[in-house]
Amino acid sequence: MINILYEDNHLLVVEKPINILVQEDNTKDLDLLTILKNYLKEAYNKPGNVYLGLVHRLDRVVGGVMVFAKTSKSASRLSKQISNHQVKKTYYAVVCGSLKKGGKLENYLLKNEKTNTSIVSDKGKLAVLNYQVLDIKNNYSLVKINLETGRHHQIRVQFSHLGFPLYGDARYNKNYKNGEQIALFAKELSFYHPITKELLTFSLELPNCYPYTMFEF
C-alpha cells in the first residue's frame, strides 16, 4: 500500500516508492498514477474514470514526496506554482568523493529522447540547483539539494559533470556496480495549497539502508 501523507478534496500527497514508475511507459509496468487512481476509485466508490493530475515527476529509481491534484483547477494552480518557482523541492543524495563545500551549480542540459538521458550542452536548457554538504564519510558525501529548475535527470547529470556522480547511478556513474540502488531521495516538498493558499510542507525520513546509514543526520 502507498504511504499517504495528506489528502483532502483537492490534493493527494504520497511517498513514491523506489523503483516504481510515476506514469505508464512502454514497459507497461504498474505505475504510481494507476495505483492511486485505483485507490481513489475504491475508497470513494467512484464509477468510471477517476481524475488525478500529474504536476511533477520523479525518476523511476528515485523515491520520496510527491503531490497529485484531485481536480483540474488544483492541477492548473500547482503547475503555475512550479513554473513560477514557488514549489520548493529538497533532495538528499550521496555522491562519490569528498565535496569540500556547498555551492550553486548552473549548466545547460540537453535531453536525448532516444536514449532518455541528458548531457551538458550549450544547446540545452538552463539547469540550476543549490547544495549543502552535510557530512563526509569514507570518501562519500551526503548532500542536501534544492532545485531551482526541474530538468530531466538534472541532479544526476550536474553532479556527474562536476566529477562527483551519485552513488548507485547506473546511467551517469562510470564506477556503478550492478545491484546498487541510487542514493537520491525527494525528502521534502513545500507548496501553497491551491485553494486555501496555506503553505504546506511534507517531509520524510531517509531510507534506512546503505549508503544513507553511513551518515549522522
Protein backbone atom coordinates (compact mmCIF):
# COMPACT_ATOMS: atom_id res chain seq x y z
CA MET A 1 0.00 0.00 0.00
CA ILE A 2 1.20 3.51 -0.81
CA ASN A 3 2.07 5.73 2.15
CA ILE A 4 -0.41 8.65 2.01
CA LEU A 5 0.93 11.74 3.76
CA TYR A 6 -2.04 14.06 3.19
CA GLU A 7 -5.38 14.05 1.42
CA ASP A 8 -8.29 16.43 1.02
CA ASN A 9 -10.78 17.24 -1.75
CA HIS A 10 -8.10 18.94 -3.81
CA LEU A 11 -4.77 17.20 -3.13
CA LEU A 12 -3.17 13.83 -2.62
CA VAL A 13 0.36 13.82 -1.18
CA VAL A 14 2.16 10.47 -1.09
CA GLU A 15 5.51 8.77 -0.71
CA LYS A 16 6.56 7.43 -4.09
CA PRO A 17 8.21 4.04 -3.59
CA ILE A 18 11.65 3.44 -5.07
CA ASN A 19 11.70 1.66 -8.45
CA ILE A 20 8.06 2.34 -9.36
CA LEU A 21 7.17 4.37 -12.44
CA VAL A 22 5.24 7.58 -11.89
CA GLN A 23 3.36 7.14 -15.17
CA GLU A 24 2.98 4.19 -17.52
CA ASP A 25 5.62 3.83 -20.22
CA ASN A 26 6.33 1.26 -22.91
CA THR A 27 7.35 -1.34 -20.31
CA LYS A 28 3.68 -1.46 -19.19
CA ASP A 29 4.88 -1.97 -15.61
CA LEU A 30 2.45 -0.95 -12.87
CA ASP A 31 2.79 2.77 -12.21
CA LEU A 32 2.02 5.08 -9.30
CA LEU A 33 -0.64 7.11 -11.13
CA THR A 34 -2.64 3.96 -11.87
CA ILE A 35 -2.23 2.69 -8.29
CA LEU A 36 -3.52 5.98 -6.87
CA LYS A 37 -6.43 6.20 -9.30
CA ASN A 38 -7.47 2.70 -8.27
CA TYR A 39 -7.18 3.71 -4.63
CA LEU A 40 -9.48 6.72 -5.17
CA LYS A 41 -11.94 4.65 -7.15
CA GLU A 42 -12.23 2.05 -4.40
CA ALA A 43 -12.04 4.42 -1.42
CA TYR A 44 -14.81 6.69 -2.70
CA ASN A 45 -16.74 4.15 -4.76
CA LYS A 46 -16.34 6.24 -7.92
CA PRO A 47 -17.70 4.88 -11.21
CA GLY A 48 -15.83 5.32 -14.47
CA ASN A 49 -12.52 7.10 -14.85
CA VAL A 50 -11.00 8.94 -11.89
CA TYR A 51 -9.22 12.26 -12.40
CA LEU A 52 -5.78 12.64 -10.86
CA GLY A 53 -3.49 15.36 -12.17
CA LEU A 54 0.23 14.72 -12.52
CA VAL A 55 2.04 18.03 -11.95
CA HIS A 56 5.64 16.86 -11.40
CA ARG A 57 7.67 13.67 -11.70
CA LEU A 58 10.39 11.60 -10.07
CA ASP A 59 12.66 9.17 -11.88
CA ARG A 60 11.65 5.54 -11.57
CA VAL A 61 14.69 4.75 -9.39
CA VAL A 62 14.03 7.68 -7.03
CA GLY A 63 11.63 7.65 -4.08
CA GLY A 64 10.18 10.45 -1.98
CA VAL A 65 7.42 13.03 -1.60
CA MET A 66 5.03 13.74 -4.48
CA VAL A 67 1.85 15.78 -4.77
CA PHE A 68 -1.03 14.97 -7.13
CA ALA A 69 -4.06 17.13 -7.93
CA LYS A 70 -7.56 15.74 -7.47
CA THR A 71 -9.18 18.47 -9.59
CA SER A 72 -8.22 20.22 -12.81
CA LYS A 73 -8.30 23.60 -11.02
CA SER A 74 -5.80 22.36 -8.43
CA ALA A 75 -3.62 20.87 -11.16
CA SER A 76 -3.54 24.17 -13.05
CA ARG A 77 -2.68 26.19 -9.93
CA LEU A 78 0.02 23.77 -8.79
CA SER A 79 1.55 23.72 -12.27
CA LYS A 80 1.62 27.53 -12.20
CA GLN A 81 3.41 27.47 -8.85
CA ILE A 82 6.01 25.10 -10.28
CA SER A 83 6.60 27.28 -13.34
CA ASN A 84 6.89 30.34 -11.05
CA HIS A 85 9.43 28.54 -8.81
CA GLN A 86 7.10 28.70 -5.79
CA VAL A 87 7.37 24.97 -5.12
CA LYS A 88 10.40 24.03 -3.04
CA LYS A 89 11.83 20.58 -3.73
CA THR A 90 14.53 19.33 -1.36
CA TYR A 91 16.51 16.21 -2.20
CA TYR A 92 19.19 14.30 -0.32
CA ALA A 93 21.86 12.44 -2.25
CA VAL A 94 25.06 10.54 -1.58
CA VAL A 95 27.78 11.41 -4.08
CA CYS A 96 31.09 9.67 -4.69
CA GLY A 97 34.03 11.72 -3.45
CA SER A 98 34.62 14.30 -0.74
CA LEU A 99 32.87 17.54 -1.59
CA LYS A 100 34.61 20.24 0.42
CA LYS A 101 31.84 22.83 0.42
CA GLY A 102 28.37 23.60 -0.81
CA GLY A 103 27.53 25.87 -3.68
CA LYS A 104 25.43 26.51 -6.75
CA LEU A 105 25.52 24.53 -9.98
CA GLU A 106 24.45 26.09 -13.27
CA ASN A 107 24.63 24.12 -16.50
CA TYR A 108 22.74 23.83 -19.77
CA LEU A 109 21.24 20.37 -20.15
CA LEU A 110 20.13 18.74 -23.39
CA LYS A 111 17.84 15.70 -23.31
CA ASN A 112 18.27 12.85 -25.78
CA GLU A 113 14.76 11.48 -26.33
CA LYS A 114 16.04 8.26 -27.93
CA THR A 115 18.28 7.25 -25.02
CA ASN A 116 16.25 9.01 -22.28
CA THR A 117 19.43 10.62 -20.94
CA SER A 118 20.70 14.18 -20.66
CA ILE A 119 24.08 15.79 -21.25
CA VAL A 120 25.66 19.16 -20.54
CA SER A 121 25.44 21.15 -23.77
CA ASP A 122 25.31 24.79 -24.83
CA LYS A 123 22.27 23.80 -26.90
CA GLY A 124 20.34 22.74 -23.79
CA LYS A 125 18.13 24.46 -21.21
CA LEU A 126 19.41 26.20 -18.09
CA ALA A 127 19.56 23.94 -15.02
CA VAL A 128 20.18 25.45 -11.59
CA LEU A 129 20.49 23.87 -8.15
CA ASN A 130 21.93 24.79 -4.76
CA TYR A 131 23.55 22.23 -2.49
CA GLN A 132 24.91 21.94 1.02
CA VAL A 133 27.39 19.29 2.22
CA LEU A 134 26.01 17.71 5.40
CA ASP A 135 28.62 15.03 6.12
CA ILE A 136 31.56 13.16 4.58
CA LYS A 137 32.39 9.50 5.31
CA ASN A 138 34.66 7.01 3.54
CA ASN A 139 35.08 9.30 0.51
CA TYR A 140 31.30 9.73 0.13
CA SER A 141 29.43 12.98 0.71
CA LEU A 142 25.86 13.42 1.92
CA VAL A 143 24.40 16.50 0.23
CA LYS A 144 21.17 18.43 0.62
CA ILE A 145 19.92 19.82 -2.69
CA ASN A 146 17.36 22.48 -3.52
CA LEU A 147 16.27 22.57 -7.13
CA GLU A 148 15.61 25.90 -8.84
CA THR A 149 14.73 24.19 -12.13
CA GLY A 150 13.37 20.75 -12.92
CA ARG A 151 15.31 19.40 -15.89
CA HIS A 152 15.46 15.76 -16.91
CA HIS A 153 17.90 13.84 -14.65
CA GLN A 154 19.16 17.25 -13.51
CA ILE A 155 20.75 16.32 -10.16
CA ARG A 156 22.32 13.17 -11.58
CA VAL A 157 23.82 14.91 -14.62
CA GLN A 158 25.04 18.03 -12.85
CA PHE A 159 26.88 16.19 -10.08
CA SER A 160 28.35 13.70 -12.56
CA HIS A 161 29.58 16.61 -14.67
CA LEU A 162 31.10 18.16 -11.54
CA GLY A 163 33.09 14.95 -11.01
CA PHE A 164 31.01 13.67 -8.08
CA PRO A 165 28.49 11.19 -9.53
CA LEU A 166 25.71 9.82 -7.37
CA TYR A 167 26.24 6.51 -5.61
CA GLY A 168 24.42 3.74 -7.47
CA ASP A 169 23.64 5.77 -10.59
CA ALA A 170 23.65 3.22 -13.41
CA ARG A 171 23.47 5.88 -16.13
CA TYR A 172 25.86 8.61 -15.06
CA ASN A 173 28.37 6.92 -12.73
CA LYS A 174 31.08 5.04 -14.65
CA ASN A 175 32.00 3.14 -11.46
CA TYR A 176 28.47 1.86 -10.90
CA LYS A 177 28.36 -1.72 -9.61
CA ASN A 178 25.50 -4.00 -10.59
CA GLY A 179 22.82 -4.18 -7.93
CA GLU A 180 23.49 -0.81 -6.31
CA GLN A 181 20.46 1.40 -5.62
CA ILE A 182 20.80 5.06 -6.50
CA ALA A 183 21.20 7.26 -3.40
CA LEU A 184 18.80 10.06 -4.34
CA PHE A 185 15.65 10.79 -2.34
CA ALA A 186 13.00 13.51 -2.59
CA LYS A 187 12.94 14.25 1.13
CA GLU A 188 10.85 17.39 1.37
CA LEU A 189 8.24 19.25 -0.66
CA SER A 190 6.75 22.69 0.09
CA PHE A 191 3.99 24.46 -1.83
CA TYR A 192 0.91 26.63 -1.34
CA HIS A 193 -2.44 24.89 -1.13
CA PRO A 194 -4.12 25.65 -4.47
CA ILE A 195 -7.40 26.66 -2.80
CA THR A 196 -6.67 27.84 0.75
CA LYS A 197 -3.24 29.35 -0.15
CA GLU A 198 -1.80 27.84 3.07
CA LEU A 199 1.88 26.92 2.90
CA LEU A 200 2.19 23.14 3.21
CA THR A 201 5.43 21.26 3.87
CA PHE A 202 5.83 17.49 3.82
CA SER A 203 8.99 15.68 4.86
CA LEU A 204 10.11 12.05 5.01
CA GLU A 205 12.86 10.18 6.81
CA LEU A 206 15.69 8.98 4.59
CA PRO A 207 15.60 5.26 3.71
CA ASN A 208 17.15 3.13 6.44
CA CYS A 209 19.68 1.48 4.14
CA TYR A 210 23.21 1.86 2.79
CA PRO A 211 24.71 4.31 1.94
CA TYR A 212 22.50 6.69 3.96
CA THR A 213 23.22 4.72 7.14
CA MET A 214 26.90 5.75 6.99
CA PHE A 215 25.98 9.28 7.96
CA GLU A 216 24.74 11.09 11.05
CA PHE A 217 21.88 13.50 10.45
